[in-house]
PDB file of N, CA and C in Angstrom:
ATOM      1  N   UNK A   1     -11.376 -29.230   6.868  1.00  0.00           N
ATOM      2  CA  UNK A   1     -12.019 -28.135   6.168  1.00  0.00           C
ATOM      3  C   UNK A   1     -11.149 -27.738   4.985  1.00  0.00           C
ATOM      4  N   UNK A   2     -11.765 -27.600   3.841  1.00  0.00           N
ATOM      5  CA  UNK A   2     -11.054 -27.220   2.629  1.00  0.00           C
ATOM      6  C   UNK A   2     -11.126 -25.716   2.460  1.00  0.00           C
ATOM      7  N   UNK A   3      -9.997 -25.100   2.247  1.00  0.00           N
ATOM      8  CA  UNK A   3      -9.931 -23.652   2.023  1.00  0.00           C
ATOM      9  C   UNK A   3      -9.488 -23.423   0.584  1.00  0.00           C
ATOM     10  N   UNK A   4     -10.422 -23.030  -0.286  1.00  0.00           N
ATOM     11  CA  UNK A   4     -10.038 -22.849  -1.689  1.00  0.00           C
ATOM     12  C   UNK A   4      -9.066 -21.680  -1.834  1.00  0.00           C
ATOM     13  N   UNK A   5      -8.148 -21.833  -2.734  1.00  0.00           N
ATOM     14  CA  UNK A   5      -7.200 -20.767  -3.023  1.00  0.00           C
ATOM     15  C   UNK A   5      -7.716 -20.025  -4.246  1.00  0.00           C
ATOM     16  N   UNK A   6      -8.030 -18.764  -4.030  1.00  0.00           N
ATOM     17  CA  UNK A   6      -8.560 -17.941  -5.108  1.00  0.00           C
ATOM     18  C   UNK A   6      -7.451 -16.981  -5.529  1.00  0.00           C
ATOM     19  N   UNK A   7      -6.985 -17.082  -6.757  1.00  0.00           N
ATOM     20  CA  UNK A   7      -5.902 -16.191  -7.175  1.00  0.00           C
ATOM     21  C   UNK A   7      -6.390 -14.747  -7.259  1.00  0.00           C
ATOM     22  N   UNK A   8      -5.545 -13.857  -6.822  1.00  0.00           N
ATOM     23  CA  UNK A   8      -5.842 -12.436  -6.908  1.00  0.00           C
ATOM     24  C   UNK A   8      -4.995 -11.884  -8.046  1.00  0.00           C
ATOM     25  N   UNK A   9      -5.666 -11.324  -9.012  1.00  0.00           N
ATOM     26  CA  UNK A   9      -4.949 -10.788 -10.166  1.00  0.00           C
ATOM     27  C   UNK A   9      -5.261  -9.305 -10.312  1.00  0.00           C
ATOM     28  N   UNK A  10      -4.363  -8.620 -10.912  1.00  0.00           N
ATOM     29  CA  UNK A  10      -4.575  -7.208 -11.155  1.00  0.00           C
ATOM     30  C   UNK A  10      -3.546  -6.704 -12.139  1.00  0.00           C
ATOM     31  N   UNK A  11      -3.911  -5.657 -12.815  1.00  0.00           N
ATOM     32  CA  UNK A  11      -3.020  -5.048 -13.781  1.00  0.00           C
ATOM     33  C   UNK A  11      -2.542  -3.731 -13.179  1.00  0.00           C
ATOM     34  N   UNK A  12      -1.330  -3.729 -12.677  1.00  0.00           N
ATOM     35  CA  UNK A  12      -0.780  -2.551 -12.022  1.00  0.00           C
ATOM     36  C   UNK A  12       0.517  -2.145 -12.683  1.00  0.00           C
ATOM     37  N   UNK A  13       0.727  -0.856 -12.778  1.00  0.00           N
ATOM     38  CA  UNK A  13       1.966  -0.311 -13.313  1.00  0.00           C
ATOM     39  C   UNK A  13       2.748   0.328 -12.176  1.00  0.00           C
ATOM     40  N   UNK A  14       4.028   0.070 -12.120  1.00  0.00           N
ATOM     41  CA  UNK A  14       4.902   0.822 -11.229  1.00  0.00           C
ATOM     42  C   UNK A  14       5.326   2.043 -12.031  1.00  0.00           C
ATOM     43  N   UNK A  15       4.761   3.173 -11.674  1.00  0.00           N
ATOM     44  CA  UNK A  15       5.007   4.408 -12.419  1.00  0.00           C
ATOM     45  C   UNK A  15       6.311   5.070 -12.014  1.00  0.00           C
ATOM     46  N   UNK A  16       6.687   4.864 -10.769  1.00  0.00           N
ATOM     47  CA  UNK A  16       7.955   5.413 -10.281  1.00  0.00           C
ATOM     48  C   UNK A  16       8.400   4.625  -9.062  1.00  0.00           C
ATOM     49  N   UNK A  17       9.706   4.404  -8.976  1.00  0.00           N
ATOM     50  CA  UNK A  17      10.305   3.714  -7.838  1.00  0.00           C
ATOM     51  C   UNK A  17      11.632   4.400  -7.564  1.00  0.00           C
ATOM     52  N   UNK A  18      11.828   4.871  -6.336  1.00  0.00           N
ATOM     53  CA  UNK A  18      13.076   5.575  -6.060  1.00  0.00           C
ATOM     54  C   UNK A  18      14.248   4.606  -6.031  1.00  0.00           C
ATOM     55  N   UNK A  19      15.451   5.135  -6.141  1.00  0.00           N
ATOM     56  CA  UNK A  19      16.654   4.312  -6.253  1.00  0.00           C
ATOM     57  C   UNK A  19      16.876   3.393  -5.055  1.00  0.00           C
ATOM     58  N   UNK A  20      16.432   3.802  -3.876  1.00  0.00           N
ATOM     59  CA  UNK A  20      16.635   3.017  -2.662  1.00  0.00           C
ATOM     60  C   UNK A  20      15.424   2.152  -2.299  1.00  0.00           C
ATOM     61  N   UNK A  21      14.416   2.101  -3.172  1.00  0.00           N
ATOM     62  CA  UNK A  21      13.205   1.303  -2.947  1.00  0.00           C
ATOM     63  C   UNK A  21      12.483   1.719  -1.652  1.00  0.00           C
ATOM     64  N   UNK A  22      12.463   3.004  -1.357  1.00  0.00           N
ATOM     65  CA  UNK A  22      11.803   3.487  -0.146  1.00  0.00           C
ATOM     66  C   UNK A  22      10.379   3.960  -0.410  1.00  0.00           C
ATOM     67  N   UNK A  23      10.090   4.374  -1.627  1.00  0.00           N
ATOM     68  CA  UNK A  23       8.730   4.781  -1.967  1.00  0.00           C
ATOM     69  C   UNK A  23       8.465   4.504  -3.444  1.00  0.00           C
ATOM     70  N   UNK A  24       7.177   4.380  -3.763  1.00  0.00           N
ATOM     71  CA  UNK A  24       6.790   4.041  -5.126  1.00  0.00           C
ATOM     72  C   UNK A  24       5.453   4.683  -5.468  1.00  0.00           C
ATOM     73  N   UNK A  25       5.263   4.861  -6.749  1.00  0.00           N
ATOM     74  CA  UNK A  25       3.994   5.335  -7.289  1.00  0.00           C
ATOM     75  C   UNK A  25       3.459   4.203  -8.156  1.00  0.00           C
ATOM     76  N   UNK A  26       2.268   3.702  -7.824  1.00  0.00           N
ATOM     77  CA  UNK A  26       1.693   2.545  -8.506  1.00  0.00           C
ATOM     78  C   UNK A  26       0.286   2.897  -8.957  1.00  0.00           C
ATOM     79  N   UNK A  27      -0.062   2.524 -10.177  1.00  0.00           N
ATOM     80  CA  UNK A  27      -1.400   2.807 -10.680  1.00  0.00           C
ATOM     81  C   UNK A  27      -1.884   1.733 -11.623  1.00  0.00           C
ATOM     82  N   UNK A  28      -3.183   1.801 -11.930  1.00  0.00           N
ATOM     83  CA  UNK A  28      -3.780   0.891 -12.903  1.00  0.00           C
ATOM     84  C   UNK A  28      -3.763   1.558 -14.276  1.00  0.00           C
ATOM     85  N   UNK A  29      -3.620   0.765 -15.328  1.00  0.00           N
ATOM     86  CA  UNK A  29      -3.638   1.342 -16.677  1.00  0.00           C
ATOM     87  C   UNK A  29      -4.923   2.126 -16.975  1.00  0.00           C
ATOM     88  N   UNK A  30      -6.025   1.730 -16.356  1.00  0.00           N
ATOM     89  CA  UNK A  30      -7.297   2.439 -16.577  1.00  0.00           C
ATOM     90  C   UNK A  30      -7.287   3.826 -15.935  1.00  0.00           C
ATOM     91  N   UNK A  31      -6.287   4.070 -15.091  1.00  0.00           N
ATOM     92  CA  UNK A  31      -6.135   5.316 -14.335  1.00  0.00           C
ATOM     93  C   UNK A  31      -7.253   5.514 -13.307  1.00  0.00           C
ATOM     94  N   UNK A  32      -7.925   4.417 -12.951  1.00  0.00           N
ATOM     95  CA  UNK A  32      -8.977   4.477 -11.943  1.00  0.00           C
ATOM     96  C   UNK A  32      -8.399   4.415 -10.533  1.00  0.00           C
ATOM     97  N   UNK A  33      -7.294   3.673 -10.359  1.00  0.00           N
ATOM     98  CA  UNK A  33      -6.687   3.508  -9.038  1.00  0.00           C
ATOM     99  C   UNK A  33      -5.238   3.970  -9.064  1.00  0.00           C
ATOM    100  N   UNK A  34      -4.825   4.566  -7.934  1.00  0.00           N
ATOM    101  CA  UNK A  34      -3.475   5.101  -7.807  1.00  0.00           C
ATOM    102  C   UNK A  34      -3.050   5.002  -6.352  1.00  0.00           C
ATOM    103  N   UNK A  35      -1.803   4.569  -6.120  1.00  0.00           N
ATOM    104  CA  UNK A  35      -1.282   4.460  -4.768  1.00  0.00           C
ATOM    105  C   UNK A  35       0.086   5.109  -4.689  1.00  0.00           C
ATOM    106  N   UNK A  36       0.340   5.784  -3.586  1.00  0.00           N
ATOM    107  CA  UNK A  36       1.671   6.251  -3.241  1.00  0.00           C
ATOM    108  C   UNK A  36       2.064   5.416  -2.029  1.00  0.00           C
ATOM    109  N   UNK A  37       3.113   4.620  -2.185  1.00  0.00           N
ATOM    110  CA  UNK A  37       3.525   3.683  -1.150  1.00  0.00           C
ATOM    111  C   UNK A  37       4.873   4.098  -0.579  1.00  0.00           C
ATOM    112  N   UNK A  38       5.031   3.899   0.724  1.00  0.00           N
ATOM    113  CA  UNK A  38       6.272   4.267   1.390  1.00  0.00           C
ATOM    114  C   UNK A  38       6.589   3.221   2.447  1.00  0.00           C
ATOM    115  N   UNK A  39       7.857   2.863   2.585  1.00  0.00           N
ATOM    116  CA  UNK A  39       8.258   1.874   3.578  1.00  0.00           C
ATOM    117  C   UNK A  39       8.209   2.429   4.999  1.00  0.00           C
ATOM    118  N   UNK A  40       8.315   3.729   5.127  1.00  0.00           N
ATOM    119  CA  UNK A  40       8.314   4.355   6.449  1.00  0.00           C
ATOM    120  C   UNK A  40       6.920   4.891   6.773  1.00  0.00           C
ATOM    121  N   UNK A  41       6.733   5.309   8.009  1.00  0.00           N
ATOM    122  CA  UNK A  41       5.439   5.854   8.428  1.00  0.00           C
ATOM    123  C   UNK A  41       5.204   7.257   7.905  1.00  0.00           C
ATOM    124  N   UNK A  42       6.260   7.897   7.430  1.00  0.00           N
ATOM    125  CA  UNK A  42       6.128   9.282   7.007  1.00  0.00           C
ATOM    126  C   UNK A  42       6.877   9.494   5.694  1.00  0.00           C
ATOM    127  N   UNK A  43       6.226  10.171   4.757  1.00  0.00           N
ATOM    128  CA  UNK A  43       6.833  10.567   3.496  1.00  0.00           C
ATOM    129  C   UNK A  43       6.890  12.084   3.505  1.00  0.00           C
ATOM    130  N   UNK A  44       8.088  12.637   3.317  1.00  0.00           N
ATOM    131  CA  UNK A  44       8.182  14.099   3.405  1.00  0.00           C
ATOM    132  C   UNK A  44       7.318  14.763   2.332  1.00  0.00           C
ATOM    133  N   UNK A  45       6.844  15.933   2.656  1.00  0.00           N
ATOM    134  CA  UNK A  45       5.861  16.640   1.817  1.00  0.00           C
ATOM    135  C   UNK A  45       6.393  16.932   0.422  1.00  0.00           C
ATOM    136  N   UNK A  46       7.658  17.273   0.300  1.00  0.00           N
ATOM    137  CA  UNK A  46       8.241  17.574  -1.013  1.00  0.00           C
ATOM    138  C   UNK A  46       8.230  16.342  -1.915  1.00  0.00           C
ATOM    139  N   UNK A  47       8.596  15.190  -1.377  1.00  0.00           N
ATOM    140  CA  UNK A  47       8.573  13.941  -2.150  1.00  0.00           C
ATOM    141  C   UNK A  47       7.143  13.593  -2.540  1.00  0.00           C
ATOM    142  N   UNK A  48       6.221  13.766  -1.596  1.00  0.00           N
ATOM    143  CA  UNK A  48       4.802  13.496  -1.882  1.00  0.00           C
ATOM    144  C   UNK A  48       4.323  14.355  -3.053  1.00  0.00           C
ATOM    145  N   UNK A  49       4.639  15.631  -3.012  1.00  0.00           N
ATOM    146  CA  UNK A  49       4.217  16.551  -4.089  1.00  0.00           C
ATOM    147  C   UNK A  49       4.824  16.154  -5.431  1.00  0.00           C
ATOM    148  N   UNK A  50       6.086  15.718  -5.431  1.00  0.00           N
ATOM    149  CA  UNK A  50       6.722  15.274  -6.670  1.00  0.00           C
ATOM    150  C   UNK A  50       6.026  14.045  -7.243  1.00  0.00           C
ATOM    151  N   UNK A  51       5.658  13.110  -6.373  1.00  0.00           N
ATOM    152  CA  UNK A  51       4.949  11.918  -6.833  1.00  0.00           C
ATOM    153  C   UNK A  51       3.564  12.257  -7.369  1.00  0.00           C
ATOM    154  N   UNK A  52       2.895  13.180  -6.716  1.00  0.00           N
ATOM    155  CA  UNK A  52       1.571  13.628  -7.193  1.00  0.00           C
ATOM    156  C   UNK A  52       1.704  14.260  -8.577  1.00  0.00           C
ATOM    157  N   UNK A  53       2.742  15.055  -8.778  1.00  0.00           N
ATOM    158  CA  UNK A  53       2.963  15.687 -10.089  1.00  0.00           C
ATOM    159  C   UNK A  53       3.252  14.641 -11.159  1.00  0.00           C
ATOM    160  N   UNK A  54       4.024  13.595 -10.814  1.00  0.00           N
ATOM    161  CA  UNK A  54       4.296  12.516 -11.763  1.00  0.00           C
ATOM    162  C   UNK A  54       2.995  11.809 -12.152  1.00  0.00           C
ATOM    163  N   UNK A  55       2.142  11.560 -11.169  1.00  0.00           N
ATOM    164  CA  UNK A  55       0.861  10.902 -11.430  1.00  0.00           C
ATOM    165  C   UNK A  55      -0.021  11.784 -12.310  1.00  0.00           C
ATOM    166  N   UNK A  56      -0.035  13.056 -12.016  1.00  0.00           N
ATOM    167  CA  UNK A  56      -0.833  13.997 -12.814  1.00  0.00           C
ATOM    168  C   UNK A  56      -0.346  14.013 -14.257  1.00  0.00           C
ATOM    169  N   UNK A  57       0.974  13.993 -14.448  1.00  0.00           N
ATOM    170  CA  UNK A  57       1.546  13.991 -15.798  1.00  0.00           C
ATOM    171  C   UNK A  57       1.185  12.724 -16.570  1.00  0.00           C
ATOM    172  N   UNK A  58       0.922  11.623 -15.836  1.00  0.00           N
ATOM    173  CA  UNK A  58       0.524  10.359 -16.464  1.00  0.00           C
ATOM    174  C   UNK A  58      -0.981  10.281 -16.708  1.00  0.00           C
ATOM    175  N   UNK A  59      -1.727  11.319 -16.312  1.00  0.00           N
ATOM    176  CA  UNK A  59      -3.157  11.359 -16.579  1.00  0.00           C
ATOM    177  C   UNK A  59      -4.053  10.868 -15.461  1.00  0.00           C
ATOM    178  N   UNK A  60      -3.516  10.693 -14.256  1.00  0.00           N
ATOM    179  CA  UNK A  60      -4.322  10.249 -13.116  1.00  0.00           C
ATOM    180  C   UNK A  60      -5.015  11.434 -12.460  1.00  0.00           C
ATOM    181  N   UNK A  61      -6.226  11.206 -11.944  1.00  0.00           N
ATOM    182  CA  UNK A  61      -6.977  12.227 -11.222  1.00  0.00           C
ATOM    183  C   UNK A  61      -6.487  12.247  -9.780  1.00  0.00           C
ATOM    184  N   UNK A  62      -5.570  13.144  -9.490  1.00  0.00           N
ATOM    185  CA  UNK A  62      -4.950  13.185  -8.162  1.00  0.00           C
ATOM    186  C   UNK A  62      -5.831  13.869  -7.130  1.00  0.00           C
ATOM    187  N   UNK A  63      -6.948  14.435  -7.545  1.00  0.00           N
ATOM    188  CA  UNK A  63      -7.854  15.079  -6.587  1.00  0.00           C
ATOM    189  C   UNK A  63      -8.523  14.040  -5.695  1.00  0.00           C
ATOM    190  N   UNK A  64      -8.508  12.776  -6.108  1.00  0.00           N
ATOM    191  CA  UNK A  64      -9.144  11.716  -5.327  1.00  0.00           C
ATOM    192  C   UNK A  64      -8.187  11.042  -4.342  1.00  0.00           C
ATOM    193  N   UNK A  65      -6.922  11.466  -4.318  1.00  0.00           N
ATOM    194  CA  UNK A  65      -5.959  10.869  -3.394  1.00  0.00           C
ATOM    195  C   UNK A  65      -6.323  11.201  -1.956  1.00  0.00           C
ATOM    196  N   UNK A  66      -6.199  10.215  -1.080  1.00  0.00           N
ATOM    197  CA  UNK A  66      -6.424  10.400   0.354  1.00  0.00           C
ATOM    198  C   UNK A  66      -5.180   9.945   1.100  1.00  0.00           C
ATOM    199  N   UNK A  67      -4.662  10.795   1.956  1.00  0.00           N
ATOM    200  CA  UNK A  67      -3.511  10.405   2.771  1.00  0.00           C
ATOM    201  C   UNK A  67      -4.012   9.594   3.958  1.00  0.00           C
ATOM    202  N   UNK A  68      -3.341   8.507   4.223  1.00  0.00           N
ATOM    203  CA  UNK A  68      -3.666   7.681   5.376  1.00  0.00           C
ATOM    204  C   UNK A  68      -2.850   8.181   6.564  1.00  0.00           C
ATOM    205  N   UNK A  69      -3.518   8.539   7.668  1.00  0.00           N
ATOM    206  CA  UNK A  69      -2.757   9.006   8.830  1.00  0.00           C
ATOM    207  C   UNK A  69      -1.978   7.855   9.470  1.00  0.00           C
ATOM    208  N   UNK A  70      -0.745   8.154   9.867  1.00  0.00           N
ATOM    209  CA  UNK A  70       0.110   7.169  10.517  1.00  0.00           C
ATOM    210  C   UNK A  70       0.698   7.769  11.774  1.00  0.00           C
ATOM    211  N   UNK A  71       1.004   6.910  12.728  1.00  0.00           N
ATOM    212  CA  UNK A  71       1.700   7.367  13.915  1.00  0.00           C
ATOM    213  C   UNK A  71       3.146   6.902  13.801  1.00  0.00           C
ATOM    214  N   UNK A  72       4.002   7.487  14.575  1.00  0.00           N
ATOM    215  CA  UNK A  72       5.414   7.118  14.517  1.00  0.00           C
ATOM    216  C   UNK A  72       5.924   6.870  15.913  1.00  0.00           C
ATOM    217  N   UNK A  73       6.201   5.704  16.335  1.00  0.00           N
ATOM    218  CA  UNK A  73       6.033   4.421  15.645  1.00  0.00           C
ATOM    219  C   UNK A  73       4.577   3.971  15.693  1.00  0.00           C
ATOM    220  N   UNK A  74       4.221   2.952  14.907  1.00  0.00           N
ATOM    221  CA  UNK A  74       2.837   2.481  14.917  1.00  0.00           C
ATOM    222  C   UNK A  74       2.445   1.968  16.299  1.00  0.00           C
ATOM    223  N   UNK A  75       1.191   2.152  16.666  1.00  0.00           N
ATOM    224  CA  UNK A  75       0.766   1.690  17.998  1.00  0.00           C
ATOM    225  C   UNK A  75       0.761   0.175  18.086  1.00  0.00           C
ATOM    226  N   UNK A  76       1.103  -0.327  19.247  1.00  0.00           N
ATOM    227  CA  UNK A  76       1.039  -1.760  19.493  1.00  0.00           C
ATOM    228  C   UNK A  76      -0.078  -2.011  20.486  1.00  0.00           C
ATOM    229  N   UNK A  77      -0.800  -3.083  20.289  1.00  0.00           N
ATOM    230  CA  UNK A  77      -1.905  -3.405  21.183  1.00  0.00           C
ATOM    231  C   UNK A  77      -1.682  -4.781  21.790  1.00  0.00           C
ATOM    232  N   UNK A  78      -2.283  -4.986  22.928  1.00  0.00           N
ATOM    233  CA  UNK A  78      -2.165  -6.273  23.620  1.00  0.00           C
ATOM    234  C   UNK A  78      -2.860  -7.400  22.854  1.00  0.00           C
ATOM    235  N   UNK A  79      -3.957  -7.064  22.158  1.00  0.00           N
ATOM    236  CA  UNK A  79      -4.726  -8.106  21.485  1.00  0.00           C
ATOM    237  C   UNK A  79      -4.255  -8.378  20.052  1.00  0.00           C
ATOM    238  N   UNK A  80      -3.181  -7.707  19.618  1.00  0.00           N
ATOM    239  CA  UNK A  80      -2.669  -7.961  18.268  1.00  0.00           C
ATOM    240  C   UNK A  80      -2.025  -9.345  18.228  1.00  0.00           C
ATOM    241  N   UNK A  81      -2.302 -10.103  17.191  1.00  0.00           N
ATOM    242  CA  UNK A  81      -1.718 -11.445  17.116  1.00  0.00           C
ATOM    243  C   UNK A  81      -0.212 -11.376  16.898  1.00  0.00           C
ATOM    244  N   UNK A  82       0.505 -12.266  17.558  1.00  0.00           N
ATOM    245  CA  UNK A  82       1.938 -12.365  17.332  1.00  0.00           C
ATOM    246  C   UNK A  82       2.145 -13.052  15.992  1.00  0.00           C
ATOM    247  N   UNK A  83       2.975 -12.483  15.155  1.00  0.00           N
ATOM    248  CA  UNK A  83       3.197 -13.073  13.846  1.00  0.00           C
ATOM    249  C   UNK A  83       4.060 -14.315  13.988  1.00  0.00           C
ATOM    250  N   UNK A  84       3.496 -15.436  13.639  1.00  0.00           N
ATOM    251  CA  UNK A  84       4.205 -16.704  13.712  1.00  0.00           C
ATOM    252  C   UNK A  84       4.338 -17.236  12.283  1.00  0.00           C
ATOM    253  N   UNK A  85       5.151 -16.542  11.496  1.00  0.00           N
ATOM    254  CA  UNK A  85       5.383 -16.903  10.094  1.00  0.00           C
ATOM    255  C   UNK A  85       4.094 -16.875   9.275  1.00  0.00           C
ATOM    256  N   UNK A  86       3.207 -15.931   9.591  1.00  0.00           N
ATOM    257  CA  UNK A  86       1.999 -15.770   8.802  1.00  0.00           C
ATOM    258  C   UNK A  86       0.872 -16.722   9.145  1.00  0.00           C
ATOM    259  N   UNK A  87       1.056 -17.590  10.122  1.00  0.00           N
ATOM    260  CA  UNK A  87       0.033 -18.573  10.487  1.00  0.00           C
ATOM    261  C   UNK A  87      -1.183 -17.906  11.113  1.00  0.00           C
ATOM    262  N   UNK A  88      -0.990 -16.783  11.799  1.00  0.00           N
ATOM    263  CA  UNK A  88      -2.099 -16.142  12.508  1.00  0.00           C
ATOM    264  C   UNK A  88      -3.249 -15.767  11.586  1.00  0.00           C
ATOM    265  N   UNK A  89      -2.957 -15.337  10.344  1.00  0.00           N
ATOM    266  CA  UNK A  89      -4.062 -14.932   9.470  1.00  0.00           C
ATOM    267  C   UNK A  89      -4.859 -16.129   8.981  1.00  0.00           C
ATOM    268  N   UNK A  90      -4.202 -17.287   8.826  1.00  0.00           N
ATOM    269  CA  UNK A  90      -4.941 -18.498   8.446  1.00  0.00           C
ATOM    270  C   UNK A  90      -5.884 -18.879   9.593  1.00  0.00           C
ATOM    271  N   UNK A  91      -5.390 -18.795  10.833  1.00  0.00           N
ATOM    272  CA  UNK A  91      -6.233 -19.104  11.978  1.00  0.00           C
ATOM    273  C   UNK A  91      -7.395 -18.129  12.082  1.00  0.00           C
ATOM    274  N   UNK A  92      -7.163 -16.860  11.735  1.00  0.00           N
ATOM    275  CA  UNK A  92      -8.251 -15.878  11.816  1.00  0.00           C
ATOM    276  C   UNK A  92      -9.341 -16.174  10.786  1.00  0.00           C
ATOM    277  N   UNK A  93      -8.949 -16.688   9.631  1.00  0.00           N
ATOM    278  CA  UNK A  93      -9.928 -17.063   8.605  1.00  0.00           C
ATOM    279  C   UNK A  93     -10.764 -18.240   9.076  1.00  0.00           C
ATOM    280  N   UNK A  94     -10.100 -19.187   9.755  1.00  0.00           N
ATOM    281  CA  UNK A  94     -10.788 -20.394  10.212  1.00  0.00           C
ATOM    282  C   UNK A  94     -11.532 -20.168  11.519  1.00  0.00           C
ATOM    283  N   UNK A  95     -11.375 -18.983  12.125  1.00  0.00           N
ATOM    284  CA  UNK A  95     -12.082 -18.677  13.355  1.00  0.00           C
ATOM    285  C   UNK A  95     -11.450 -19.290  14.580  1.00  0.00           C
ATOM    286  N   UNK A  96     -10.149 -19.501  14.554  1.00  0.00           N
ATOM    287  CA  UNK A  96      -9.458 -20.100  15.703  1.00  0.00           C
ATOM    288  C   UNK A  96      -8.455 -19.169  16.296  1.00  0.00           C
TER     289      UNK A  96
END
C-alpha cells in the first residue's frame, strides 16, 4: 500500500518565547490564529495574562482564545498505544 506524503505548510510567527523554552506565543501573520503553548500541564495565571497582553499588542483578537483543560499528571489509559518510536500512528493510519 502506498501512503502519499503530503507536506504540511503554514506561515507562523513565534511572537514570544521565554528564556527557558517553557512557553511560547505563536500566531499567523493574518492574525486569524493564535496559540499559547506550554511544556507543562499548567501555565500560571500571571504568565498567561502577560502572553495575552503581548498578543493583544500585536493586534490579535484575544477574545477568541480558549483554554484547554488539563489534568496533572495527564490520565493514562489501558487502551493507549505504547509509543514505539512513532510507529503506532503509522499503524493507526493503516488500520492495524
